[in-house]
Amino acid sequence: MSQDSVLTAAFGPILKQNGFKKKRGDTWYKDMPESIAIINLQKSDYSNKWYVNVAIWIKGLDVSSIVPLKKLDIEKPAENHCPFKIRWERIIERNFDEADVKNIVSLTDMDEKTIPDNERIDAIRRMIYKHILPFLEKSATINGLKKMAATEPWSCYMWGIAKDFLGSK
């Protein structure tokens, strides 16, 4: 299987079952009560490693003062335009799951040939269910986001404008 097909096979069905819609290549969106969850797969320019970017767009956040974002699509914002973004390995590290942390890097490194495709897909799916979906569930509402903004380490992954909006700066 090609690199992107392995990752799409791992992410696509689970995300679809959980209300995400695929847009813009390797990016999935989920419209939640007070935020939009975004999962984006990004290929490294220097190797066959892929990065899993997790981002949250906070509904109601005024970004009109941020010049580059004036023409932002707030229905489907790009992952890099979101005021709360993090790579999935950081989420897994913050859950203090040492076994998963050891596996996470090799799962998205397609040069790691010792992992058969079916095992890689199964392991990625376990990570999504165990770590990513619960994290996104916490960020579905303003109250959930406020709790995250008020605690380390999550607040360090938020822009100041988001912290101000959430009243935690």
Protein backbone atom coordinates (compact mmCIF):
# COMPACT_ATOMS: atom_id res chain seq x y z
CA MET A 1 0.00 0.00 0.00
CA SER A 2 1.23 3.54 -0.66
CA GLN A 3 2.16 5.75 2.28
CA ASP A 4 -0.85 8.01 2.06
CA SER A 5 -3.24 5.06 1.51
CA VAL A 6 -2.02 3.40 4.72
CA LEU A 7 -2.65 6.57 6.68
CA THR A 8 -5.99 7.25 4.97
CA ALA A 9 -7.03 3.65 5.73
CA ALA A 10 -6.07 4.18 9.36
CA PHE A 11 -7.66 7.59 9.87
CA GLY A 12 -10.50 7.81 7.35
CA PRO A 13 -13.03 5.22 8.60
CA ILE A 14 -12.69 6.12 12.30
CA LEU A 15 -12.95 9.82 11.67
CA LYS A 16 -15.95 9.35 9.39
CA GLN A 17 -17.69 7.16 12.03
CA ASN A 18 -17.10 9.95 14.54
CA GLY A 19 -18.63 12.74 12.46
CA PHE A 20 -15.61 14.05 10.58
CA LYS A 21 -15.76 15.01 6.91
CA LYS A 22 -12.72 14.89 4.66
CA LYS A 23 -11.82 18.13 2.94
CA ARG A 24 -8.69 19.55 1.34
CA GLY A 25 -6.56 16.48 0.70
CA ASP A 26 -5.50 14.89 3.98
CA THR A 27 -7.58 17.08 6.29
CA TRP A 28 -10.73 16.10 8.19
CA TYR A 29 -13.17 18.45 9.94
CA LYS A 30 -15.79 17.95 12.62
CA ASP A 31 -18.28 20.66 13.46
CA MET A 32 -18.76 20.53 17.23
CA PRO A 33 -21.06 22.63 19.47
CA GLU A 34 -18.67 25.54 20.03
CA SER A 35 -15.61 24.61 18.03
CA ILE A 36 -14.41 22.87 14.89
CA ALA A 37 -11.99 19.95 15.25
CA ILE A 38 -9.41 19.48 12.52
CA ILE A 39 -7.07 16.57 11.91
CA ASN A 40 -4.44 17.06 9.24
CA LEU A 41 -1.82 14.66 7.91
CA GLN A 42 1.36 16.43 6.82
CA LYS A 43 4.21 14.76 4.95
CA SER A 44 7.72 15.79 5.91
CA ASP A 45 9.68 17.56 3.18
CA TYR A 46 12.83 15.69 4.21
CA SER A 47 11.80 12.08 4.79
CA ASN A 48 8.93 9.62 4.58
CA LYS A 49 7.67 10.66 7.99
CA TRP A 50 4.17 12.02 8.38
CA TYR A 51 2.95 14.39 11.08
CA VAL A 52 -0.52 14.31 12.58
CA ASN A 53 -1.67 17.83 13.36
CA VAL A 54 -4.67 18.29 15.64
CA ALA A 55 -6.25 21.73 15.70
CA ILE A 56 -9.27 23.46 17.19
CA TRP A 57 -11.06 26.46 15.74
CA ILE A 58 -13.00 28.28 18.47
CA LYS A 59 -16.37 29.53 17.22
CA GLY A 60 -17.03 33.16 18.06
CA LEU A 61 -13.35 34.08 18.24
CA ASP A 62 -12.74 37.46 16.57
CA VAL A 63 -9.63 37.23 14.43
CA SER A 64 -10.27 40.39 12.40
CA SER A 65 -7.28 42.09 14.00
CA ILE A 66 -4.88 39.41 12.76
CA VAL A 67 -3.89 40.67 9.32
CA PRO A 68 -2.98 37.34 7.60
CA LEU A 69 -6.26 35.80 8.74
CA LYS A 70 -8.64 38.48 7.43
CA LYS A 71 -9.69 36.26 4.51
CA LEU A 72 -9.98 33.17 6.68
CA ASP A 73 -12.59 30.52 5.88
CA ILE A 74 -14.13 30.13 9.35
CA GLU A 75 -16.27 27.20 8.19
CA LYS A 76 -13.25 25.14 7.16
CA PRO A 77 -10.13 26.88 8.48
CA ALA A 78 -6.72 25.53 7.58
CA GLU A 79 -5.05 23.73 10.47
CA ASN A 80 -2.27 26.32 10.64
CA HIS A 81 -4.84 29.13 11.07
CA CYS A 82 -6.30 27.63 14.23
CA PRO A 83 -5.62 29.25 17.61
CA PHE A 84 -5.19 25.89 19.33
CA LYS A 85 -3.01 23.34 17.58
CA ILE A 86 -0.87 20.47 18.66
CA ARG A 87 0.77 17.38 17.19
CA TRP A 88 -0.73 14.07 18.22
CA GLU A 89 2.45 12.83 19.91
CA ARG A 90 2.17 15.74 22.36
CA ILE A 91 -1.36 14.65 23.29
CA ILE A 92 -0.19 11.09 23.84
CA GLU A 93 2.83 12.26 25.88
CA ARG A 94 0.53 14.36 28.07
CA ASN A 95 -1.53 11.24 28.82
CA PHE A 96 1.66 9.73 30.27
CA ASP A 97 1.34 6.56 28.26
CA GLU A 98 4.96 5.47 27.85
CA ALA A 99 4.22 2.45 25.65
CA ASP A 100 2.21 4.54 23.20
CA VAL A 101 4.81 7.32 23.18
CA LYS A 102 7.48 4.80 22.13
CA ASN A 103 5.30 3.58 19.24
CA ILE A 104 3.92 6.87 18.00
CA VAL A 105 6.94 8.05 16.04
CA SER A 106 7.50 4.79 14.21
CA LEU A 107 3.83 4.48 13.24
CA THR A 108 3.93 7.55 11.02
CA ASP A 109 7.48 7.00 9.77
CA MET A 110 6.96 5.14 6.53
CA ASP A 111 10.66 4.30 6.33
CA GLU A 112 10.04 2.03 9.32
CA LYS A 113 9.54 -1.16 7.28
CA THR A 114 9.39 -3.56 10.24
CA ILE A 115 5.72 -2.71 10.83
CA PRO A 116 3.35 -4.46 8.40
CA ASP A 117 0.62 -2.19 6.99
CA ASN A 118 -2.23 -3.99 8.78
CA GLU A 119 -0.45 -3.71 12.16
CA ARG A 120 0.37 -0.05 11.52
CA ILE A 121 -3.28 0.69 10.67
CA ASP A 122 -4.56 -1.14 13.77
CA ALA A 123 -2.07 0.62 16.06
CA ILE A 124 -2.92 4.06 14.65
CA ARG A 125 -6.63 3.36 15.12
CA ARG A 126 -6.02 2.40 18.77
CA MET A 127 -4.17 5.69 19.30
CA ILE A 128 -7.02 7.66 17.77
CA TYR A 129 -9.63 5.99 19.98
CA LYS A 130 -7.54 6.06 23.13
CA HIS A 131 -6.04 9.56 22.92
CA ILE A 132 -7.22 11.79 20.08
CA LEU A 133 -11.00 11.42 20.20
CA PRO A 134 -11.16 11.95 24.00
CA PHE A 135 -8.95 15.04 23.64
CA LEU A 136 -11.23 16.46 20.95
CA GLU A 137 -14.32 15.69 23.02
CA LYS A 138 -12.93 17.90 25.81
CA SER A 139 -12.51 20.74 23.33
CA ALA A 140 -16.05 20.61 21.91
CA THR A 141 -17.40 23.39 24.15
CA ILE A 142 -16.20 26.74 25.44
CA ASN A 143 -16.29 25.38 29.00
CA GLY A 144 -14.09 22.46 28.00
CA LEU A 145 -11.71 24.80 26.20
CA LYS A 146 -11.61 27.13 29.23
CA LYS A 147 -10.54 24.21 31.43
CA MET A 148 -7.83 23.29 28.95
CA ALA A 149 -6.65 26.92 28.61
CA ALA A 150 -6.33 27.20 32.38
CA THR A 151 -4.06 24.18 32.72
CA GLU A 152 -0.57 23.33 31.67
CA PRO A 153 0.48 21.99 29.30
CA TRP A 154 -2.51 22.67 27.04
CA SER A 155 -2.36 26.45 27.37
CA CYS A 156 1.09 26.58 25.77
CA TYR A 157 -0.44 25.33 22.50
CA MET A 158 -2.96 28.21 22.34
CA TRP A 159 -2.56 31.63 20.84
CA GLY A 160 -2.86 34.58 23.23
CA ILE A 161 -6.01 35.76 21.47
CA ALA A 162 -7.65 32.41 22.27
CA LYS A 163 -6.58 32.57 25.92
CA ASP A 164 -8.00 36.10 26.15
CA PHE A 165 -11.27 34.97 24.58
CA LEU A 166 -11.48 32.06 27.02
CA GLY A 167 -10.61 34.32 29.95
CA SER A 168 -7.52 32.42 31.02
CA LYS A 169 -4.64 34.79 30.29
